[in-house]
Amino acid sequence: MKTELKPKHYEIMRAKHPAYIEAVETLGKAVRDTGPLDEKTLLFVQLGAAAASHSEGSVLSHARRIMAAGASLEEVYHALMGLTCTIGFPTVAAAMSWVRKNLEND
């Protein structure tokens, strides 16, 4: 797995708009710290939302962070497949192809 968890575009945004990114990261931390879900579970929820919104960058970012939190690639694929009845096969297949293309053999 690549060690870089945040996409290059995110780092460019951080350099150009540091206050904005700081606010986004503060909100993310508040959400993580507020509820009973552990980090990995919350990341799986966010992965589902990323896939549903057809956001390749977000799918990859969340998949990388899930794996850094201890999940396997097979768990990522299973979570995506679990979305089929909700978001449809084509959307799930696209998300799985992004993960396969970018995260397998890293």
PDB file of N, CA and C in Angstrom:
ATOM      1  N   MET A   1       0.838  -1.183   0.000  1.00  0.00           N
ATOM      2  CA  MET A   1       0.000   0.000   0.000  1.00  0.00           C
ATOM      3  C   MET A   1       0.878   1.240   0.000  1.00  0.00           C
ATOM      4  N   LYS A   2       0.479   2.238  -0.727  1.00  0.00           N
ATOM      5  CA  LYS A   2       1.221   3.498  -0.751  1.00  0.00           C
ATOM      6  C   LYS A   2       1.157   4.149   0.618  1.00  0.00           C
ATOM      7  N   THR A   3       2.235   4.820   0.987  1.00  0.00           N
ATOM      8  CA  THR A   3       2.247   5.472   2.289  1.00  0.00           C
ATOM      9  C   THR A   3       1.463   6.774   2.272  1.00  0.00           C
ATOM     10  N   GLU A   4       1.313   7.376   1.100  1.00  0.00           N
ATOM     11  CA  GLU A   4       0.580   8.635   0.991  1.00  0.00           C
ATOM     12  C   GLU A   4      -0.921   8.368   1.133  1.00  0.00           C
ATOM     13  N   LEU A   5      -1.527   8.916   2.180  1.00  0.00           N
ATOM     14  CA  LEU A   5      -2.948   8.684   2.410  1.00  0.00           C
ATOM     15  C   LEU A   5      -3.818   9.789   1.812  1.00  0.00           C
ATOM     16  N   LYS A   6      -3.270  10.975   1.664  1.00  0.00           N
ATOM     17  CA  LYS A   6      -4.046  12.085   1.124  1.00  0.00           C
ATOM     18  C   LYS A   6      -3.585  12.377  -0.297  1.00  0.00           C
ATOM     19  N   PRO A   7      -4.546  12.568  -1.201  1.00  0.00           N
ATOM     20  CA  PRO A   7      -4.179  12.815  -2.606  1.00  0.00           C
ATOM     21  C   PRO A   7      -3.381  14.106  -2.777  1.00  0.00           C
ATOM     22  N   LYS A   8      -2.610  14.155  -3.836  1.00  0.00           N
ATOM     23  CA  LYS A   8      -1.799  15.332  -4.141  1.00  0.00           C
ATOM     24  C   LYS A   8      -2.672  16.581  -4.220  1.00  0.00           C
ATOM     25  N   HIS A   9      -3.861  16.452  -4.823  1.00  0.00           N
ATOM     26  CA  HIS A   9      -4.755  17.604  -4.941  1.00  0.00           C
ATOM     27  C   HIS A   9      -5.121  18.165  -3.558  1.00  0.00           C
ATOM     28  N   TYR A  10      -5.313  17.267  -2.586  1.00  0.00           N
ATOM     29  CA  TYR A  10      -5.628  17.698  -1.228  1.00  0.00           C
ATOM     30  C   TYR A  10      -4.481  18.539  -0.661  1.00  0.00           C
ATOM     31  N   GLU A  11      -3.256  18.088  -0.894  1.00  0.00           N
ATOM     32  CA  GLU A  11      -2.094  18.828  -0.403  1.00  0.00           C
ATOM     33  C   GLU A  11      -1.953  20.178  -1.114  1.00  0.00           C
ATOM     34  N   ILE A  12      -2.313  20.236  -2.391  1.00  0.00           N
ATOM     35  CA  ILE A  12      -2.300  21.510  -3.114  1.00  0.00           C
ATOM     36  C   ILE A  12      -3.338  22.453  -2.507  1.00  0.00           C
ATOM     37  N   MET A  13      -4.540  21.917  -2.226  1.00  0.00           N
ATOM     38  CA  MET A  13      -5.573  22.743  -1.588  1.00  0.00           C
ATOM     39  C   MET A  13      -5.093  23.245  -0.226  1.00  0.00           C
ATOM     40  N   ARG A  14      -4.411  22.367   0.528  1.00  0.00           N
ATOM     41  CA  ARG A  14      -3.900  22.769   1.847  1.00  0.00           C
ATOM     42  C   ARG A  14      -2.919  23.940   1.698  1.00  0.00           C
ATOM     43  N   ALA A  15      -2.058  23.885   0.686  1.00  0.00           N
ATOM     44  CA  ALA A  15      -1.073  24.947   0.474  1.00  0.00           C
ATOM     45  C   ALA A  15      -1.737  26.255   0.060  1.00  0.00           C
ATOM     46  N   LYS A  16      -2.777  26.168  -0.755  1.00  0.00           N
ATOM     47  CA  LYS A  16      -3.435  27.381  -1.262  1.00  0.00           C
ATOM     48  C   LYS A  16      -4.504  27.928  -0.325  1.00  0.00           C
ATOM     49  N   HIS A  17      -5.130  27.054   0.450  1.00  0.00           N
ATOM     50  CA  HIS A  17      -6.245  27.465   1.310  1.00  0.00           C
ATOM     51  C   HIS A  17      -6.105  26.818   2.695  1.00  0.00           C
ATOM     52  N   PRO A  18      -5.063  27.157   3.425  1.00  0.00           N
ATOM     53  CA  PRO A  18      -4.789  26.464   4.688  1.00  0.00           C
ATOM     54  C   PRO A  18      -5.902  26.605   5.732  1.00  0.00           C
ATOM     55  N   ALA A  19      -6.519  27.745   5.829  1.00  0.00           N
ATOM     56  CA  ALA A  19      -7.582  27.916   6.826  1.00  0.00           C
ATOM     57  C   ALA A  19      -8.783  27.034   6.511  1.00  0.00           C
ATOM     58  N   TYR A  20      -9.098  26.916   5.239  1.00  0.00           N
ATOM     59  CA  TYR A  20     -10.214  26.073   4.802  1.00  0.00           C
ATOM     60  C   TYR A  20      -9.937  24.603   5.144  1.00  0.00           C
ATOM     61  N   ILE A  21      -8.751  24.124   4.781  1.00  0.00           N
ATOM     62  CA  ILE A  21      -8.406  22.726   5.053  1.00  0.00           C
ATOM     63  C   ILE A  21      -8.334  22.474   6.555  1.00  0.00           C
ATOM     64  N   GLU A  22      -7.828  23.431   7.304  1.00  0.00           N
ATOM     65  CA  GLU A  22      -7.797  23.279   8.759  1.00  0.00           C
ATOM     66  C   GLU A  22      -9.218  23.111   9.304  1.00  0.00           C
ATOM     67  N   ALA A  23     -10.161  23.896   8.786  1.00  0.00           N
ATOM     68  CA  ALA A  23     -11.560  23.789   9.221  1.00  0.00           C
ATOM     69  C   ALA A  23     -12.152  22.425   8.859  1.00  0.00           C
ATOM     70  N   VAL A  24     -11.864  21.944   7.652  1.00  0.00           N
ATOM     71  CA  VAL A  24     -12.346  20.626   7.223  1.00  0.00           C
ATOM     72  C   VAL A  24     -11.775  19.537   8.134  1.00  0.00           C
ATOM     73  N   GLU A  25     -10.488  19.608   8.430  1.00  0.00           N
ATOM     74  CA  GLU A  25      -9.859  18.607   9.289  1.00  0.00           C
ATOM     75  C   GLU A  25     -10.368  18.688  10.727  1.00  0.00           C
ATOM     76  N   THR A  26     -10.645  19.889  11.200  1.00  0.00           N
ATOM     77  CA  THR A  26     -11.205  20.052  12.546  1.00  0.00           C
ATOM     78  C   THR A  26     -12.601  19.437  12.616  1.00  0.00           C
ATOM     79  N   LEU A  27     -13.404  19.644  11.576  1.00  0.00           N
ATOM     80  CA  LEU A  27     -14.732  19.032  11.525  1.00  0.00           C
ATOM     81  C   LEU A  27     -14.605  17.508  11.519  1.00  0.00           C
ATOM     82  N   GLY A  28     -13.697  16.980  10.707  1.00  0.00           N
ATOM     83  CA  GLY A  28     -13.492  15.535  10.660  1.00  0.00           C
ATOM     84  C   GLY A  28     -13.114  14.963  12.011  1.00  0.00           C
ATOM     85  N   LYS A  29     -12.229  15.647  12.732  1.00  0.00           N
ATOM     86  CA  LYS A  29     -11.823  15.190  14.060  1.00  0.00           C
ATOM     87  C   LYS A  29     -12.997  15.240  15.028  1.00  0.00           C
ATOM     88  N   ALA A  30     -13.792  16.293  14.954  1.00  0.00           N
ATOM     89  CA  ALA A  30     -14.959  16.409  15.836  1.00  0.00           C
ATOM     90  C   ALA A  30     -15.930  15.260  15.589  1.00  0.00           C
ATOM     91  N   VAL A  31     -16.148  14.932  14.330  1.00  0.00           N
ATOM     92  CA  VAL A  31     -17.051  13.822  13.995  1.00  0.00           C
ATOM     93  C   VAL A  31     -16.499  12.512  14.548  1.00  0.00           C
ATOM     94  N   ARG A  32     -15.210  12.255  14.350  1.00  0.00           N
ATOM     95  CA  ARG A  32     -14.599  11.020  14.859  1.00  0.00           C
ATOM     96  C   ARG A  32     -14.690  10.925  16.381  1.00  0.00           C
ATOM     97  N   ASP A  33     -14.503  12.048  17.046  1.00  0.00           N
ATOM     98  CA  ASP A  33     -14.457  12.049  18.509  1.00  0.00           C
ATOM     99  C   ASP A  33     -15.839  12.065  19.165  1.00  0.00           C
ATOM    100  N   THR A  34     -16.878  12.341  18.400  1.00  0.00           N
ATOM    101  CA  THR A  34     -18.205  12.540  18.968  1.00  0.00           C
ATOM    102  C   THR A  34     -18.964  11.260  19.271  1.00  0.00           C
ATOM    103  N   GLY A  35     -18.831  10.265  18.426  1.00  0.00           N
ATOM    104  CA  GLY A  35     -19.719   9.117  18.547  1.00  0.00           C
ATOM    105  C   GLY A  35     -19.059   7.830  18.958  1.00  0.00           C
ATOM    106  N   PRO A  36     -19.863   6.781  19.014  1.00  0.00           N
ATOM    107  CA  PRO A  36     -19.376   5.487  19.486  1.00  0.00           C
ATOM    108  C   PRO A  36     -18.665   4.643  18.421  1.00  0.00           C
ATOM    109  N   LEU A  37     -18.738   5.025  17.149  1.00  0.00           N
ATOM    110  CA  LEU A  37     -18.110   4.206  16.113  1.00  0.00           C
ATOM    111  C   LEU A  37     -16.592   4.321  16.170  1.00  0.00           C
ATOM    112  N   ASP A  38     -15.919   3.191  15.998  1.00  0.00           N
ATOM    113  CA  ASP A  38     -14.459   3.237  15.934  1.00  0.00           C
ATOM    114  C   ASP A  38     -14.042   3.798  14.575  1.00  0.00           C
ATOM    115  N   GLU A  39     -12.773   4.159  14.464  1.00  0.00           N
ATOM    116  CA  GLU A  39     -12.270   4.825  13.266  1.00  0.00           C
ATOM    117  C   GLU A  39     -12.492   3.993  12.001  1.00  0.00           C
ATOM    118  N   LYS A  40     -12.186   2.697  12.077  1.00  0.00           N
ATOM    119  CA  LYS A  40     -12.306   1.840  10.894  1.00  0.00           C
ATOM    120  C   LYS A  40     -13.761   1.754  10.427  1.00  0.00           C
ATOM    121  N   THR A  41     -14.691   1.606  11.349  1.00  0.00           N
ATOM    122  CA  THR A  41     -16.105   1.530  10.979  1.00  0.00           C
ATOM    123  C   THR A  41     -16.563   2.825  10.335  1.00  0.00           C
ATOM    124  N   LEU A  42     -16.183   3.944  10.909  1.00  0.00           N
ATOM    125  CA  LEU A  42     -16.564   5.238  10.348  1.00  0.00           C
ATOM    126  C   LEU A  42     -15.971   5.418   8.953  1.00  0.00           C
ATOM    127  N   LEU A  43     -14.748   4.965   8.743  1.00  0.00           N
ATOM    128  CA  LEU A  43     -14.128   5.038   7.422  1.00  0.00           C
ATOM    129  C   LEU A  43     -14.882   4.172   6.407  1.00  0.00           C
ATOM    130  N   PHE A  44     -15.383   3.016   6.825  1.00  0.00           N
ATOM    131  CA  PHE A  44     -16.186   2.191   5.925  1.00  0.00           C
ATOM    132  C   PHE A  44     -17.481   2.908   5.530  1.00  0.00           C
ATOM    133  N   VAL A  45     -18.109   3.587   6.471  1.00  0.00           N
ATOM    134  CA  VAL A  45     -19.311   4.369   6.153  1.00  0.00           C
ATOM    135  C   VAL A  45     -18.969   5.440   5.122  1.00  0.00           C
ATOM    136  N   GLN A  46     -17.858   6.131   5.342  1.00  0.00           N
ATOM    137  CA  GLN A  46     -17.436   7.183   4.423  1.00  0.00           C
ATOM    138  C   GLN A  46     -17.060   6.615   3.056  1.00  0.00           C
ATOM    139  N   LEU A  47     -16.484   5.416   3.031  1.00  0.00           N
ATOM    140  CA  LEU A  47     -16.185   4.753   1.758  1.00  0.00           C
ATOM    141  C   LEU A  47     -17.471   4.530   0.967  1.00  0.00           C
ATOM    142  N   GLY A  48     -18.516   4.078   1.640  1.00  0.00           N
ATOM    143  CA  GLY A  48     -19.800   3.867   0.973  1.00  0.00           C
ATOM    144  C   GLY A  48     -20.352   5.151   0.390  1.00  0.00           C
ATOM    145  N   ALA A  49     -20.259   6.234   1.143  1.00  0.00           N
ATOM    146  CA  ALA A  49     -20.736   7.526   0.640  1.00  0.00           C
ATOM    147  C   ALA A  49     -19.894   7.993  -0.540  1.00  0.00           C
ATOM    148  N   ALA A  50     -18.597   7.755  -0.475  1.00  0.00           N
ATOM    149  CA  ALA A  50     -17.710   8.146  -1.581  1.00  0.00           C
ATOM    150  C   ALA A  50     -18.061   7.378  -2.849  1.00  0.00           C
ATOM    151  N   ALA A  51     -18.305   6.086  -2.711  1.00  0.00           N
ATOM    152  CA  ALA A  51     -18.679   5.278  -3.874  1.00  0.00           C
ATOM    153  C   ALA A  51     -20.019   5.742  -4.434  1.00  0.00           C
ATOM    154  N   ALA A  52     -20.971   6.004  -3.552  1.00  0.00           N
ATOM    155  CA  ALA A  52     -22.302   6.438  -3.990  1.00  0.00           C
ATOM    156  C   ALA A  52     -22.256   7.766  -4.727  1.00  0.00           C
ATOM    157  N   SER A  53     -21.314   8.622  -4.360  1.00  0.00           N
ATOM    158  CA  SER A  53     -21.220   9.929  -5.008  1.00  0.00           C
ATOM    159  C   SER A  53     -20.259   9.915  -6.207  1.00  0.00           C
ATOM    160  N   HIS A  54     -19.804   8.714  -6.585  1.00  0.00           N
ATOM    161  CA  HIS A  54     -18.943   8.551  -7.776  1.00  0.00           C
ATOM    162  C   HIS A  54     -17.644   9.342  -7.662  1.00  0.00           C
ATOM    163  N   SER A  55     -17.097   9.433  -6.458  1.00  0.00           N
ATOM    164  CA  SER A  55     -15.879  10.207  -6.232  1.00  0.00           C
ATOM    165  C   SER A  55     -14.669   9.282  -6.150  1.00  0.00           C
ATOM    166  N   GLU A  56     -13.969   9.148  -7.269  1.00  0.00           N
ATOM    167  CA  GLU A  56     -12.814   8.250  -7.323  1.00  0.00           C
ATOM    168  C   GLU A  56     -11.762   8.622  -6.286  1.00  0.00           C
ATOM    169  N   GLY A  57     -11.428   9.900  -6.191  1.00  0.00           N
ATOM    170  CA  GLY A  57     -10.416  10.326  -5.235  1.00  0.00           C
ATOM    171  C   GLY A  57     -10.796  10.007  -3.803  1.00  0.00           C
ATOM    172  N   SER A  58     -12.049  10.212  -3.475  1.00  0.00           N
ATOM    173  CA  SER A  58     -12.515   9.934  -2.123  1.00  0.00           C
ATOM    174  C   SER A  58     -12.554   8.433  -1.843  1.00  0.00           C
ATOM    175  N   VAL A  59     -12.977   7.635  -2.831  1.00  0.00           N
ATOM    176  CA  VAL A  59     -12.960   6.179  -2.667  1.00  0.00           C
ATOM    177  C   VAL A  59     -11.537   5.720  -2.368  1.00  0.00           C
ATOM    178  N   LEU A  60     -10.579   6.196  -3.139  1.00  0.00           N
ATOM    179  CA  LEU A  60      -9.190   5.780  -2.944  1.00  0.00           C
ATOM    180  C   LEU A  60      -8.635   6.257  -1.610  1.00  0.00           C
ATOM    181  N   SER A  61      -8.932   7.498  -1.247  1.00  0.00           N
ATOM    182  CA  SER A  61      -8.453   8.038   0.023  1.00  0.00           C
ATOM    183  C   SER A  61      -8.999   7.233   1.200  1.00  0.00           C
ATOM    184  N   HIS A  62     -10.300   6.936   1.160  1.00  0.00           N
ATOM    185  CA  HIS A  62     -10.891   6.189   2.265  1.00  0.00           C
ATOM    186  C   HIS A  62     -10.409   4.741   2.277  1.00  0.00           C
ATOM    187  N   ALA A  63     -10.262   4.134   1.112  1.00  0.00           N
ATOM    188  CA  ALA A  63      -9.749   2.763   1.063  1.00  0.00           C
ATOM    189  C   ALA A  63      -8.337   2.706   1.649  1.00  0.00           C
ATOM    190  N   ARG A  64      -7.499   3.663   1.299  1.00  0.00           N
ATOM    191  CA  ARG A  64      -6.129   3.701   1.848  1.00  0.00           C
ATOM    192  C   ARG A  64      -6.159   3.855   3.367  1.00  0.00           C
ATOM    193  N   ARG A  65      -7.006   4.756   3.848  1.00  0.00           N
ATOM    194  CA  ARG A  65      -7.062   4.987   5.296  1.00  0.00           C
ATOM    195  C   ARG A  65      -7.649   3.788   6.039  1.00  0.00           C
ATOM    196  N   ILE A  66      -8.630   3.108   5.428  1.00  0.00           N
ATOM    197  CA  ILE A  66      -9.189   1.897   6.038  1.00  0.00           C
ATOM    198  C   ILE A  66      -8.099   0.841   6.170  1.00  0.00           C
ATOM    199  N   MET A  67      -7.316   0.674   5.112  1.00  0.00           N
ATOM    200  CA  MET A  67      -6.259  -0.325   5.152  1.00  0.00           C
ATOM    201  C   MET A  67      -5.171   0.071   6.156  1.00  0.00           C
ATOM    202  N   ALA A  68      -4.885   1.354   6.272  1.00  0.00           N
ATOM    203  CA  ALA A  68      -3.925   1.817   7.276  1.00  0.00           C
ATOM    204  C   ALA A  68      -4.448   1.574   8.690  1.00  0.00           C
ATOM    205  N   ALA A  69      -5.791   1.530   8.831  1.00  0.00           N
ATOM    206  CA  ALA A  69      -6.404   1.274  10.138  1.00  0.00           C
ATOM    207  C   ALA A  69      -6.518  -0.222  10.430  1.00  0.00           C
ATOM    208  N   GLY A  70      -6.015  -1.052   9.503  1.00  0.00           N
ATOM    209  CA  GLY A  70      -5.955  -2.481   9.781  1.00  0.00           C
ATOM    210  C   GLY A  70      -6.842  -3.372   8.936  1.00  0.00           C
ATOM    211  N   ALA A  71      -7.643  -2.824   8.047  1.00  0.00           N
ATOM    212  CA  ALA A  71      -8.503  -3.646   7.196  1.00  0.00           C
ATOM    213  C   ALA A  71      -7.710  -4.205   6.018  1.00  0.00           C
ATOM    214  N   SER A  72      -8.193  -5.307   5.508  1.00  0.00           N
ATOM    215  CA  SER A  72      -7.559  -5.907   4.332  1.00  0.00           C
ATOM    216  C   SER A  72      -8.213  -5.387   3.055  1.00  0.00           C
ATOM    217  N   LEU A  73      -7.525  -5.591   1.960  1.00  0.00           N
ATOM    218  CA  LEU A  73      -8.083  -5.233   0.660  1.00  0.00           C
ATOM    219  C   LEU A  73      -9.376  -6.009   0.416  1.00  0.00           C
ATOM    220  N   GLU A  74      -9.427  -7.254   0.835  1.00  0.00           N
ATOM    221  CA  GLU A  74     -10.644  -8.061   0.667  1.00  0.00           C
ATOM    222  C   GLU A  74     -11.820  -7.469   1.453  1.00  0.00           C
ATOM    223  N   GLU A  75     -11.551  -6.906   2.622  1.00  0.00           N
ATOM    224  CA  GLU A  75     -12.623  -6.254   3.385  1.00  0.00           C
ATOM    225  C   GLU A  75     -13.135  -5.019   2.650  1.00  0.00           C
ATOM    226  N   VAL A  76     -12.234  -4.274   2.023  1.00  0.00           N
ATOM    227  CA  VAL A  76     -12.643  -3.104   1.237  1.00  0.00           C
ATOM    228  C   VAL A  76     -13.548  -3.551   0.092  1.00  0.00           C
ATOM    229  N   TYR A  77     -13.122  -4.590  -0.637  1.00  0.00           N
ATOM    230  CA  TYR A  77     -13.945  -5.091  -1.743  1.00  0.00           C
ATOM    231  C   TYR A  77     -15.307  -5.588  -1.244  1.00  0.00           C
ATOM    232  N   HIS A  78     -15.318  -6.296  -0.125  1.00  0.00           N
ATOM    233  CA  HIS A  78     -16.579  -6.808   0.407  1.00  0.00           C
ATOM    234  C   HIS A  78     -17.515  -5.666   0.802  1.00  0.00           C
ATOM    235  N   ALA A  79     -16.962  -4.637   1.419  1.00  0.00           N
ATOM    236  CA  ALA A  79     -17.785  -3.477   1.788  1.00  0.00           C
ATOM    237  C   ALA A  79     -18.383  -2.828   0.544  1.00  0.00           C
ATOM    238  N   LEU A  80     -17.584  -2.699  -0.502  1.00  0.00           N
ATOM    239  CA  LEU A  80     -18.099  -2.111  -1.746  1.00  0.00           C
ATOM    240  C   LEU A  80     -19.170  -3.000  -2.358  1.00  0.00           C
ATOM    241  N   MET A  81     -18.945  -4.314  -2.390  1.00  0.00           N
ATOM    242  CA  MET A  81     -19.949  -5.224  -2.947  1.00  0.00           C
ATOM    243  C   MET A  81     -21.255  -5.149  -2.157  1.00  0.00           C
ATOM    244  N   GLY A  82     -21.145  -4.891  -0.868  1.00  0.00           N
ATOM    245  CA  GLY A  82     -22.337  -4.776  -0.032  1.00  0.00           C
ATOM    246  C   GLY A  82     -23.235  -3.614  -0.411  1.00  0.00           C
ATOM    247  N   LEU A  83     -22.730  -2.705  -1.208  1.00  0.00           N
ATOM    248  CA  LEU A  83     -23.505  -1.544  -1.646  1.00  0.00           C
ATOM    249  C   LEU A  83     -24.333  -1.814  -2.900  1.00  0.00           C
ATOM    250  N   THR A  84     -24.164  -2.973  -3.517  1.00  0.00           N
ATOM    251  CA  THR A  84     -24.768  -3.241  -4.824  1.00  0.00           C
ATOM    252  C   THR A  84     -26.268  -2.985  -4.854  1.00  0.00           C
ATOM    253  N   CYS A  85     -27.005  -3.501  -3.879  1.00  0.00           N
ATOM    254  CA  CYS A  85     -28.463  -3.333  -3.886  1.00  0.00           C
ATOM    255  C   CYS A  85     -28.887  -1.903  -3.584  1.00  0.00           C
ATOM    256  N   THR A  86     -27.985  -1.111  -3.045  1.00  0.00           N
ATOM    257  CA  THR A  86     -28.297   0.269  -2.695  1.00  0.00           C
ATOM    258  C   THR A  86     -27.913   1.257  -3.788  1.00  0.00           C
ATOM    259  N   ILE A  87     -26.704   1.122  -4.326  1.00  0.00           N
ATOM    260  CA  ILE A  87     -26.233   2.110  -5.310  1.00  0.00           C
ATOM    261  C   ILE A  87     -26.084   1.548  -6.714  1.00  0.00           C
ATOM    262  N   GLY A  88     -26.257   0.233  -6.864  1.00  0.00           N
ATOM    263  CA  GLY A  88     -26.236  -0.376  -8.185  1.00  0.00           C
ATOM    264  C   GLY A  88     -24.900  -0.964  -8.576  1.00  0.00           C
ATOM    265  N   PHE A  89     -24.981  -2.013  -9.403  1.00  0.00           N
ATOM    266  CA  PHE A  89     -23.783  -2.717  -9.841  1.00  0.00           C
ATOM    267  C   PHE A  89     -22.799  -1.827 -10.589  1.00  0.00           C
ATOM    268  N   PRO A  90     -23.228  -0.986 -11.553  1.00  0.00           N
ATOM    269  CA  PRO A  90     -22.239  -0.189 -12.277  1.00  0.00           C
ATOM    270  C   PRO A  90     -21.414   0.734 -11.375  1.00  0.00           C
ATOM    271  N   THR A  91     -22.045   1.332 -10.389  1.00  0.00           N
ATOM    272  CA  THR A  91     -21.336   2.227  -9.473  1.00  0.00           C
ATOM    273  C   THR A  91     -20.358   1.446  -8.603  1.00  0.00           C
ATOM    274  N   VAL A  92     -20.799   0.282  -8.120  1.00  0.00           N
ATOM    275  CA  VAL A  92     -19.922  -0.569  -7.317  1.00  0.00           C
ATOM    276  C   VAL A  92     -18.748  -1.067  -8.155  1.00  0.00           C
ATOM    277  N   ALA A  93     -19.034  -1.504  -9.382  1.00  0.00           N
ATOM    278  CA  ALA A  93     -17.969  -2.000 -10.259  1.00  0.00           C
ATOM    279  C   ALA A  93     -16.942  -0.908 -10.535  1.00  0.00           C
ATOM    280  N   ALA A  94     -17.404   0.315 -10.727  1.00  0.00           N
ATOM    281  CA  ALA A  94     -16.480   1.426 -10.958  1.00  0.00           C
ATOM    282  C   ALA A  94     -15.592   1.636  -9.733  1.00  0.00           C
ATOM    283  N   ALA A  95     -16.186   1.679  -8.542  1.00  0.00           N
ATOM    284  CA  ALA A  95     -15.411   1.884  -7.320  1.00  0.00           C
ATOM    285  C   ALA A  95     -14.399   0.762  -7.124  1.00  0.00           C
ATOM    286  N   MET A  96     -14.822  -0.469  -7.372  1.00  0.00           N
ATOM    287  CA  MET A  96     -13.899  -1.596  -7.232  1.00  0.00           C
ATOM    288  C   MET A  96     -12.764  -1.509  -8.249  1.00  0.00           C
ATOM    289  N   SER A  97     -13.064  -1.037  -9.452  1.00  0.00           N
ATOM    290  CA  SER A  97     -12.007  -0.920 -10.464  1.00  0.00           C
ATOM    291  C   SER A  97     -10.993   0.149 -10.072  1.00  0.00           C
ATOM    292  N   TRP A  98     -11.448   1.247  -9.449  1.00  0.00           N
ATOM    293  CA  TRP A  98     -10.517   2.283  -8.997  1.00  0.00           C
ATOM    294  C   TRP A  98      -9.573   1.712  -7.944  1.00  0.00           C
ATOM    295  N   VAL A  99     -10.151   0.964  -6.999  1.00  0.00           N
ATOM    296  CA  VAL A  99      -9.327   0.364  -5.945  1.00  0.00           C
ATOM    297  C   VAL A  99      -8.351  -0.634  -6.553  1.00  0.00           C
ATOM    298  N   ARG A 100      -8.854  -1.495  -7.422  1.00  0.00           N
ATOM    299  CA  ARG A 100      -7.987  -2.519  -8.036  1.00  0.00           C
ATOM    300  C   ARG A 100      -6.841  -1.866  -8.792  1.00  0.00           C
ATOM    301  N   LYS A 101      -7.151  -0.852  -9.585  1.00  0.00           N
ATOM    302  CA  LYS A 101      -6.140  -0.187 -10.417  1.00  0.00           C
ATOM    303  C   LYS A 101      -5.096   0.535  -9.581  1.00  0.00           C
ATOM    304  N   ASN A 102      -5.493   1.072  -8.456  1.00  0.00           N
ATOM    305  CA  ASN A 102      -4.596   1.939  -7.681  1.00  0.00           C
ATOM    306  C   ASN A 102      -3.999   1.315  -6.427  1.00  0.00           C
ATOM    307  N   LEU A 103      -4.648   0.310  -5.869  1.00  0.00           N
ATOM    308  CA  LEU A 103      -4.187  -0.201  -4.574  1.00  0.00           C
ATOM    309  C   LEU A 103      -3.682  -1.627  -4.593  1.00  0.00           C
ATOM    310  N   GLU A 104      -4.028  -2.401  -5.603  1.00  0.00           N
ATOM    311  CA  GLU A 104      -3.490  -3.753  -5.660  1.00  0.00           C
ATOM    312  C   GLU A 104      -2.020  -3.677  -6.050  1.00  0.00           C
ATOM    313  N   ASN A 105      -1.244  -4.543  -5.456  1.00  0.00           N
ATOM    314  CA  ASN A 105       0.197  -4.643  -5.740  1.00  0.00           C
ATOM    315  C   ASN A 105       0.977  -3.416  -5.309  1.00  0.00           C
ATOM    316  N   ASP A 106       0.427  -2.606  -4.401  1.00  0.00           N
ATOM    317  CA  ASP A 106       1.183  -1.454  -3.891  1.00  0.00           C
ATOM    318  C   ASP A 106       2.096  -1.908  -2.776  1.00  0.00           C
TER     319      ASP A 106
END
